[in-house]
Protein backbone atom coordinates (compact mmCIF):
# COMPACT_ATOMS: atom_id res chain seq x y z
CA MET A 1 -14.68 25.21 -9.52
CA ASN A 2 -12.95 27.22 -12.40
CA ALA A 3 -9.75 27.02 -13.79
CA ASN A 4 -8.88 30.83 -12.79
CA THR A 5 -9.31 29.94 -8.93
CA SER A 6 -5.84 29.64 -9.21
CA ARG A 7 -5.49 33.29 -10.18
CA GLN A 8 -5.18 34.43 -6.43
CA SER A 9 -3.04 36.87 -4.88
CA ALA A 10 -0.56 35.51 -2.50
CA ALA A 11 -2.04 36.57 0.57
CA GLU A 12 -5.18 34.00 -0.67
CA TRP A 13 -2.68 31.26 -1.50
CA GLU A 14 -1.67 31.97 2.16
CA GLU A 15 -4.56 31.98 3.85
CA GLY A 16 -5.91 29.01 1.77
CA ALA A 17 -2.84 26.89 3.37
CA GLN A 18 -3.55 28.18 6.48
CA LEU A 19 -6.76 27.18 6.64
CA PHE A 20 -6.03 23.34 5.27
CA ASP A 21 -3.08 22.90 7.63
CA ARG A 22 -5.53 24.05 10.73
CA THR A 23 -8.82 21.45 9.52
CA THR A 24 -7.07 19.02 8.59
CA ARG A 25 -4.40 18.68 11.67
CA ASP A 26 -6.45 16.30 13.50
CA LEU A 27 -7.63 14.20 10.77
CA PRO A 28 -6.87 10.30 10.99
CA PRO A 29 -3.63 9.46 8.36
CA GLY A 30 -5.04 7.39 6.19
CA ARG A 31 -8.38 9.85 4.84
CA HIS A 32 -6.19 13.28 6.05
CA GLN A 33 -3.34 11.68 3.19
CA PHE A 34 -6.44 10.42 0.72
CA HIS A 35 -8.51 14.45 0.89
CA LYS A 36 -4.62 15.58 0.17
CA GLU A 37 -4.39 14.00 -2.54
CA ARG A 38 -7.93 14.61 -4.16
CA MET A 39 -6.60 18.41 -4.05
CA MET A 40 -3.10 17.76 -5.52
CA ALA A 41 -4.69 16.34 -8.13
CA GLN A 42 -7.32 19.63 -8.63
CA ILE A 43 -4.70 21.34 -8.17
CA HIS A 44 -2.81 20.02 -10.85
CA GLU A 45 -5.81 20.28 -13.22
CA ALA A 46 -6.60 24.00 -12.63
CA GLN A 47 -2.35 24.58 -13.19
CA GLN A 48 -2.46 22.97 -16.13
CA ALA A 49 -5.53 24.68 -17.16
CA GLU A 50 -4.09 27.98 -16.36
CA GLN A 51 -1.11 27.41 -18.45
CA THR A 52 -3.37 26.43 -21.24
CA GLY A 53 -5.43 29.48 -21.33
CA VAL A 54 -7.97 27.40 -20.41
CA ARG A 55 -10.68 29.90 -17.77
CA GLU A 56 -13.80 28.60 -17.27
CA LYS A 57 -12.47 24.76 -17.79
CA THR A 58 -14.49 22.75 -14.53
CA VAL A 59 -11.95 20.22 -12.72
CA ALA A 60 -13.77 17.79 -11.09
CA PRO A 61 -12.61 15.90 -8.11
CA ALA A 62 -9.93 12.88 -8.48
CA GLU A 63 -11.66 10.49 -6.18
CA THR A 64 -9.82 7.74 -6.34
CA PRO A 65 -5.62 8.59 -5.51
CA ARG A 66 -3.18 5.82 -6.52
CA PHE A 67 -0.12 6.28 -4.89
CA ARG A 68 1.08 8.23 -1.67
CA LEU A 69 1.28 12.20 -2.90
CA PRO A 70 3.21 14.34 -1.44
CA ARG A 71 2.38 16.78 1.02
CA PRO A 72 1.49 20.02 -0.43
CA ALA A 73 2.24 22.80 1.42
CA ILE A 74 -0.41 25.11 -0.23
CA ALA A 75 -3.67 24.79 -1.52
CA LEU A 76 -6.16 26.42 -3.53
CA PRO A 77 -8.44 28.77 -0.94
CA ALA A 78 -11.71 27.18 -2.06
CA LEU A 79 -10.49 23.56 -1.96
CA ALA A 80 -9.50 24.13 1.46
CA ALA A 81 -13.06 25.72 2.68
CA ALA A 82 -14.49 22.68 0.80
CA LEU A 83 -12.85 20.29 2.72
CA ALA A 84 -13.42 21.71 6.26
CA GLY A 85 -16.41 20.27 6.23
CA VAL A 86 -15.32 16.72 5.75
CA VAL A 87 -12.56 17.28 7.90
CA VAL A 88 -14.57 18.09 11.19
CA ALA A 89 -16.20 14.65 10.86
CA GLY A 90 -12.85 13.05 11.16
CA VAL A 91 -12.09 14.08 14.24
CA VAL A 92 -11.14 11.36 16.80
CA THR A 93 -13.67 12.28 19.34
CA SER A 94 -13.44 9.34 21.73
CA GLY A 95 -14.87 9.82 25.38
CA GLY A 96 -12.62 7.31 26.94
CA GLY A 97 -12.05 3.67 27.25
CA THR A 98 -8.65 1.55 26.40
CA GLY A 99 -8.35 2.42 22.48
CA VAL A 100 -10.25 4.01 19.93
CA GLU A 101 -10.51 2.89 16.25
CA ASP A 102 -10.26 4.80 13.22
CA GLY A 103 -10.51 3.79 9.47
CA GLY A 104 -10.15 -0.01 10.83
CA VAL A 105 -6.52 0.83 13.13
CA ALA A 106 -6.47 1.14 16.06
CA THR A 107 -4.23 4.08 18.00
CA GLY A 108 -1.03 3.93 20.30
CA PRO A 109 1.37 6.71 21.60
CA ALA A 110 3.40 8.39 18.87
CA LEU A 111 6.16 6.94 17.39
CA THR A 112 8.94 7.91 18.46
CA THR A 113 12.93 7.48 17.24
CA THR A 114 16.91 8.84 17.88
CA VAL A 115 17.34 11.90 15.83
CA GLY A 116 20.77 10.32 13.85
CA ALA A 117 23.33 12.58 13.04
CA ALA A 118 23.44 14.32 9.27
CA THR A 119 26.68 14.63 7.20
CA THR A 120 26.91 15.89 3.61
CA LYS A 121 30.23 14.21 3.44
CA GLY A 122 30.00 10.90 1.26
CA VAL A 123 26.92 11.50 -0.15
CA PRO A 124 27.46 11.65 -3.49
CA GLN A 125 29.23 8.87 -3.61
CA LEU A 126 26.89 6.80 -1.31
CA LEU A 127 24.25 8.06 -3.80
CA ASP A 128 26.49 6.74 -6.98
CA ARG A 129 26.01 3.43 -5.42
CA ILE A 130 22.66 3.74 -4.63
CA ALA A 131 22.49 4.18 -8.95
CA LEU A 132 24.54 1.66 -10.01
CA ALA A 133 22.85 -0.71 -7.71
CA ALA A 134 19.40 0.46 -9.10
CA ALA A 135 20.68 0.23 -12.67
CA GLU A 136 21.35 -3.89 -12.24
CA VAL A 137 17.85 -4.21 -10.44
CA ASP A 138 16.14 -6.72 -13.14
CA HIS A 139 12.92 -4.85 -13.86
CA PRO A 140 10.60 -6.82 -16.19
CA THR A 141 8.44 -5.01 -18.60
CA VAL A 142 5.05 -4.82 -17.36
CA LYS A 143 2.24 -6.33 -19.79
CA PRO A 144 -1.19 -4.82 -20.26
CA GLY A 145 -3.17 -6.88 -18.51
CA GLN A 146 -0.95 -7.82 -16.00
CA TYR A 147 -0.78 -5.20 -12.68
CA ILE A 148 2.14 -3.96 -10.40
CA TYR A 149 1.61 -5.27 -6.52
CA ILE A 150 3.45 -3.09 -4.24
CA GLU A 151 2.95 -4.39 -0.51
CA SER A 152 4.05 -2.39 2.24
CA LYS A 153 4.11 -1.63 6.25
CA THR A 154 2.55 1.67 7.26
CA ALA A 155 2.19 3.66 10.50
CA THR A 156 1.60 7.72 11.30
CA THR A 157 1.58 10.16 14.32
CA PHE A 158 -0.81 12.35 14.01
CA VAL A 159 -2.47 15.09 16.52
CA LYS A 160 -5.53 13.19 18.69
CA THR A 161 -8.34 15.43 19.85
CA VAL A 162 -10.63 13.93 22.74
CA ASP A 163 -12.81 15.77 24.86
CA ASP A 164 -10.93 19.18 23.61
CA LYS A 165 -8.31 17.78 24.84
CA SER A 166 -4.95 17.49 21.98
CA THR A 167 -2.11 14.30 22.26
CA LEU A 168 -0.12 13.01 20.13
CA ALA A 169 -0.77 9.05 18.90
CA SER A 170 -0.07 6.51 16.25
CA HIS A 171 -2.17 4.09 13.73
CA THR A 172 -1.06 0.58 14.36
CA LEU A 173 1.96 -0.85 12.09
CA HIS A 174 -0.51 -2.33 9.27
CA ARG A 175 0.02 -3.44 5.50
CA ARG A 176 -0.88 -1.73 3.19
CA GLN A 177 -1.66 -3.23 -0.51
CA VAL A 178 -1.52 -1.63 -4.14
CA TRP A 179 -2.50 -3.08 -7.36
CA GLU A 180 -2.24 -0.92 -10.85
CA SER A 181 -2.44 -1.18 -14.59
CA PRO A 182 0.70 -0.35 -16.47
CA ASP A 183 -1.73 2.31 -17.80
CA GLY A 184 -2.76 3.30 -14.32
CA THR A 185 -6.70 3.03 -15.04
CA LYS A 186 -7.73 -0.22 -13.11
CA GLY A 187 -6.09 -0.33 -9.51
CA TRP A 188 -7.37 -1.67 -5.67
CA LEU A 189 -6.21 -0.67 -2.73
CA ILE A 190 -6.14 -2.29 0.76
CA ASP A 191 -5.67 -0.16 3.63
CA PRO A 192 -7.50 -0.37 7.15
CA ALA A 193 -6.50 3.31 7.43
CA VAL A 194 -7.58 4.14 4.53
CA ASN A 195 -11.03 1.90 4.17
CA ASP A 196 -12.89 0.01 6.90
CA SER A 197 -14.02 -2.70 4.28
CA PRO A 198 -11.16 -5.27 5.00
CA GLU A 199 -11.51 -5.92 1.09
CA GLY A 200 -10.72 -2.66 0.17
CA GLU A 201 -11.55 -0.07 -2.50
CA THR A 202 -11.48 0.62 -6.43
CA LEU A 203 -8.57 2.54 -7.75
CA SER A 204 -10.30 2.52 -11.49
CA LEU A 205 -11.03 5.05 -13.37
CA PRO A 206 -12.89 6.70 -14.44
CA ASP A 207 -13.78 8.10 -11.60
CA GLU A 208 -17.44 8.39 -9.99
CA GLN A 209 -17.85 11.44 -11.71
CA GLY A 210 -16.67 10.06 -14.81
CA ASN A 211 -13.41 11.57 -15.18
CA THR A 212 -10.04 10.18 -15.83
CA PRO A 213 -7.53 12.22 -15.18
CA ARG A 214 -4.51 12.26 -16.71
CA ALA A 215 -1.21 10.31 -15.10
CA TYR A 216 1.79 13.26 -14.49
CA LEU A 217 4.49 13.59 -12.67
CA ASN A 218 2.83 13.17 -8.83
CA SER A 219 0.30 10.45 -9.44
CA PRO A 220 2.42 8.46 -12.25
CA SER A 221 1.25 5.42 -14.55
CA TYR A 222 3.83 2.65 -15.56
CA ASP A 223 3.59 4.01 -19.09
CA TYR A 224 3.72 7.45 -17.56
CA LEU A 225 7.26 6.61 -15.89
CA THR A 226 8.27 5.12 -19.43
CA LYS A 227 8.57 7.79 -20.94
CA LEU A 228 10.33 10.48 -18.67
CA THR A 229 14.05 11.12 -20.02
CA THR A 230 16.61 9.24 -18.06
CA ASN A 231 19.15 11.95 -18.50
CA PRO A 232 19.67 13.31 -14.66
CA ASP A 233 20.08 16.91 -15.28
CA ALA A 234 16.80 16.70 -17.74
CA LEU A 235 14.91 14.81 -15.53
CA LEU A 236 15.22 17.11 -12.04
CA ALA A 237 15.12 20.25 -14.42
CA LYS A 238 11.37 18.68 -15.60
CA ILE A 239 11.02 17.78 -11.84
CA TYR A 240 11.38 21.83 -10.84
CA LYS A 241 9.38 23.29 -13.47
CA GLU A 242 6.18 20.95 -12.93
CA THR A 243 6.72 20.99 -8.96
CA LYS A 244 6.96 24.99 -8.91
CA GLY A 245 4.97 26.52 -6.05
CA ALA A 246 4.31 23.37 -4.35
CA GLY A 247 5.87 22.65 -1.03
CA ASN A 248 7.70 24.43 1.29
CA SER A 249 10.47 25.14 -1.20
CA PRO A 250 11.86 24.20 -4.70
CA ASP A 251 14.57 21.88 -3.32
CA GLN A 252 12.64 19.96 -0.72
CA GLN A 253 9.69 19.69 -3.03
CA ALA A 254 12.16 18.32 -5.58
CA PHE A 255 13.48 15.78 -3.19
CA THR A 256 9.71 14.90 -1.37
CA THR A 257 8.82 14.07 -5.19
CA ILE A 258 11.65 11.74 -6.32
CA GLY A 259 11.11 9.99 -2.17
CA ASP A 260 7.42 9.22 -3.98
CA LEU A 261 8.64 7.87 -7.02
CA LEU A 262 10.63 5.32 -4.87
CA GLY A 263 7.47 4.03 -3.10
CA GLU A 264 4.38 3.28 -4.26
CA THR A 265 5.80 3.04 -8.29
CA TYR A 266 7.72 0.74 -10.64
CA PRO A 267 10.21 2.82 -12.26
CA PRO A 268 11.66 1.33 -15.17
CA ALA A 269 15.59 0.34 -14.01
CA LYS A 270 17.31 3.35 -15.91
CA LEU A 271 15.01 5.71 -14.79
CA TYR A 272 15.05 4.53 -11.07
CA SER A 273 18.74 5.17 -11.24
CA ALA A 274 18.74 8.38 -13.02
CA LEU A 275 16.77 9.18 -9.81
CA PHE A 276 18.89 8.98 -7.61
CA LYS A 277 21.83 10.81 -9.61
CA ALA A 278 19.56 13.65 -10.27
CA ALA A 279 19.21 13.37 -6.17
CA ALA A 280 22.39 13.89 -5.49
CA LYS A 281 21.97 17.47 -7.52
CA ILE A 282 19.65 18.79 -5.33
CA PRO A 283 21.10 21.18 -2.50
CA GLY A 284 20.59 20.14 1.31
CA VAL A 285 20.22 16.48 0.58
CA VAL A 286 22.33 14.54 3.40
CA LEU A 287 23.57 11.03 4.68
CA VAL A 288 22.30 9.74 8.21
CA ASP A 289 24.71 6.59 8.87
CA ASP A 290 21.65 4.89 11.11
CA ALA A 291 18.21 4.59 10.04
CA VAL A 292 15.01 1.87 11.07
CA ASP A 293 12.39 1.34 8.29
CA ALA A 294 8.75 0.48 9.73
CA VAL A 295 9.77 -2.95 10.27
CA GLY A 296 12.94 -2.21 12.42
CA ARG A 297 15.55 -3.05 9.83
CA HIS A 298 18.51 -0.74 9.69
CA GLY A 299 20.11 1.27 7.02
CA VAL A 300 21.59 4.19 6.09
CA ALA A 301 19.61 7.32 5.09
CA VAL A 302 19.67 9.64 2.19
CA ALA A 303 17.67 12.69 3.69
CA ARG A 304 17.06 16.27 3.49
CA LEU A 305 15.84 18.49 6.31
CA ASP A 306 12.57 20.64 5.48
CA GLU A 307 13.19 23.73 7.00
CA THR A 308 10.02 24.97 7.29
CA SER A 309 8.40 22.48 9.03
CA GLY A 310 11.31 21.14 10.93
CA GLN A 311 10.60 17.59 9.33
CA ARG A 312 13.70 15.61 7.86
CA GLU A 313 12.37 12.93 5.37
CA GLU A 314 14.67 9.88 5.41
CA TRP A 315 14.56 7.73 2.21
CA ILE A 316 16.12 3.94 4.44
CA PHE A 317 18.58 1.47 2.08
CA ASP A 318 20.31 -1.54 3.10
CA LYS A 319 23.36 -0.45 4.06
CA LYS A 320 25.12 -3.93 2.07
CA THR A 321 23.23 -4.65 -1.50
CA HIS A 322 22.00 -0.69 -1.51
CA VAL A 323 18.04 -1.78 -1.85
CA PHE A 324 15.66 0.49 -1.12
CA LEU A 325 14.16 -0.35 2.71
CA GLY A 326 11.45 2.48 3.05
CA GLU A 327 11.24 5.52 4.35
CA ARG A 328 10.19 7.92 7.20
CA SER A 329 9.56 11.18 8.55
CA VAL A 330 11.26 12.30 11.89
CA GLN A 331 10.52 15.70 13.12
CA VAL A 332 14.16 17.28 13.89
CA ASN A 333 13.70 20.99 15.28
CA LYS A 334 11.39 21.66 17.61
CA ASN A 335 8.22 23.57 16.74
CA SER A 336 6.11 26.28 17.70
CA GLY A 337 2.43 26.93 18.74
CA GLU A 338 -0.15 24.13 18.54
CA ASP A 339 2.45 21.98 16.57
CA ALA A 340 4.95 22.14 19.72
CA LEU A 341 3.44 18.73 20.39
CA ILE A 342 5.38 17.54 18.04
CA LYS A 343 8.71 17.20 19.46
CA PRO A 344 11.86 16.48 17.91
CA GLY A 345 12.41 12.60 17.29
CA THR A 346 8.59 12.24 16.59
CA VAL A 347 8.49 10.00 13.80
CA THR A 348 5.11 11.62 11.56
CA PHE A 349 5.76 8.10 9.19
CA THR A 350 6.88 5.50 8.39
CA SER A 351 6.74 2.59 5.98
CA ALA A 352 8.57 -0.08 4.74
CA ILE A 353 8.56 -1.93 1.34
CA MET A 354 7.83 -5.37 2.04
CA ASN A 355 7.34 -6.98 -1.79
CA ARG A 356 7.24 -5.29 -5.14
CA ALA A 357 6.28 -7.55 -8.47
CA ILE A 358 4.13 -8.13 -11.37
CA VAL A 359 1.64 -9.80 -11.16
CA ASP A 360 -1.37 -11.32 -13.72
CA GLY A 361 -4.63 -10.54 -11.90
CA MET A 362 -6.42 -7.76 -9.97
CA LYS A 363 -5.96 -8.15 -6.42
CA GLU A 364 -3.11 -11.36 -6.76
CA ALA A 365 -0.30 -11.47 -4.61
CA PRO A 366 2.85 -12.61 -5.66
CA SER A 367 2.52 -15.94 -3.88
CA GLN A 368 -0.44 -17.21 -5.73
CA THR A 369 0.94 -16.99 -9.15
CA GLY A 370 3.02 -20.38 -9.35
């Protein structure tokens, strides 16, 4: 694929986005996420090539994503078409039985919740308290040879098609473990929704094609994060600039980008605090007084409604300590057409951070560090 693939008309981009949405709707969440991460990396490389005037640069697939990246609302048409064949193989096509297994995680009923009331009152004050709490957290420097370890519990609701009949289903709540070196070139992932093997899979670079993608805002390494500005205004300006054209709106994409940096990354304390101060400047941010993470912990949520998808992204914090607990996406508004299955109250994604630590070896859990 050449970099000038990104030089297409708005109509072609829209066609590609629609194709991506149609072909990925039935893909099990783990694999859905995996292929979208691959696509996001390719789009980023193509856009970078376009900006630097390189017209014939070959962009190789990013085979091993490091993080759960933002949900892109647009896709290069050529990439969407290429993924179409891959996606078909991911459709759940069980003829019956008491359970369906895909990606090593059994499926169950759709995840649901009561849609909490949202208000703009008190948002700046809450984010200010969260920023202060984040600044006080002890964040030891990650040394070369060490790894950032993040353990979470996750679950996702998705559309499952059986014998041409589509219904909502969810993957069983399961453990996800990620290890990454400070420079982002070495890593490991254990997630049964992504890989059938209990041993997991490597995230180390270079990939199978010999490529080592550079770290960037939506796929950062720890070393990359240490170089980001901690000035909230400058940080937010950078986020808007580097995510221009992605997502359903600039404001929503900025909010989503910050949310992704709260999950499977390890921002230095000053940057961690700056992220919350930057979020306070995004229009449309609201407070939800009661939200529940993937393991049932209640907290207060900082949230924003995506007007296009009707989903509200919620960052959940402990009400007393203001520690980040996890996040979830909740369908708030009614959908039409094929998406009407995803009714208000459906939890399309939920996660809970269980452990975030620095360890001395790949696949080493904190309890083993002594």
